[in-house]
Amino acid sequence: MPGSLVRKLTLPNTAYITNNYDLMGRLTNTALLTSGQSLLDSYAYAYDIANERTNVVRMDGSYVK
């Protein structure tokens, strides 16, 4: 399953989104970058043993638990 997940999505304006997953296929982080690879936005995720998201960390360091 992890092999079929979207890792990079190029947008019409040539910016792109990258996604990373853990071995269970859960999204661990996503980032929006310009075509010149400048980071515009990002999110990182953590999960509990029930596969529920337990927190989100944003690019600016703020987070939600």
Protein backbone atom coordinates (compact mmCIF):
# COMPACT_ATOMS: atom_id res chain seq x y z
CA MET A 1 0.00 0.00 0.00
CA PRO A 2 2.66 2.67 0.82
CA GLY A 3 4.05 2.29 -2.71
CA SER A 4 0.79 3.56 -4.24
CA LEU A 5 0.51 6.73 -2.14
CA VAL A 6 1.05 10.16 -3.72
CA ARG A 7 4.51 11.45 -2.84
CA LYS A 8 4.68 14.50 -5.12
CA LEU A 9 1.94 16.52 -6.77
CA THR A 10 2.91 19.29 -9.19
CA LEU A 11 0.46 22.18 -9.35
CA PRO A 12 -0.39 24.22 -12.50
CA ASN A 13 1.76 27.14 -11.29
CA THR A 14 4.75 24.70 -11.00
CA ALA A 15 4.71 24.76 -7.19
CA TYR A 16 4.43 21.30 -5.74
CA ILE A 17 3.30 19.34 -2.70
CA THR A 18 5.39 16.57 -1.19
CA ASN A 19 4.03 13.90 1.16
CA ASN A 20 5.90 11.41 3.34
CA TYR A 21 4.41 8.32 4.96
CA ASP A 22 5.43 5.84 7.62
CA LEU A 23 5.62 2.09 7.01
CA MET A 24 1.91 1.76 7.80
CA GLY A 25 0.98 4.25 5.07
CA ARG A 26 0.09 7.06 7.48
CA LEU A 27 0.88 10.61 6.36
CA THR A 28 3.76 11.87 8.53
CA ASN A 29 4.39 15.22 6.86
CA THR A 30 3.35 17.31 3.90
CA ALA A 31 4.94 20.42 2.43
CA LEU A 32 4.10 23.02 -0.21
CA LEU A 33 7.12 24.31 -2.11
CA THR A 34 7.71 26.74 -4.94
CA SER A 35 9.23 25.50 -8.19
CA GLY A 36 12.52 26.91 -6.83
CA GLN A 37 12.16 24.66 -3.76
CA SER A 38 11.34 27.46 -1.29
CA LEU A 39 9.12 26.18 1.49
CA LEU A 40 5.71 27.90 1.61
CA ASP A 41 3.86 25.73 4.14
CA SER A 42 4.26 22.41 5.93
CA TYR A 43 2.60 20.14 8.47
CA ALA A 44 3.92 17.16 10.46
CA TYR A 45 1.69 14.56 12.09
CA ALA A 46 2.01 12.06 14.95
CA TYR A 47 -0.24 9.09 15.67
CA ASP A 48 -1.18 6.96 18.65
CA ILE A 49 -1.36 3.14 18.69
CA ALA A 50 -4.99 3.32 17.49
CA ASN A 51 -3.77 5.12 14.32
CA GLU A 52 -5.43 8.37 15.37
CA ARG A 53 -3.61 11.65 14.83
CA THR A 54 -2.47 12.95 18.18
CA ASN A 55 -0.89 16.22 17.13
CA VAL A 56 -0.08 18.48 14.19
CA VAL A 57 2.96 20.74 14.00
CA ARG A 58 2.80 23.60 11.51
CA MET A 59 5.64 25.28 9.64
CA ASP A 60 5.69 28.19 12.10
CA GLY A 61 6.22 25.80 15.02
CA SER A 62 2.67 26.12 16.35
CA TYR A 63 0.87 22.88 17.08
CA VAL A 64 -2.45 21.26 17.92
CA LYS A 65 -2.76 18.27 20.24
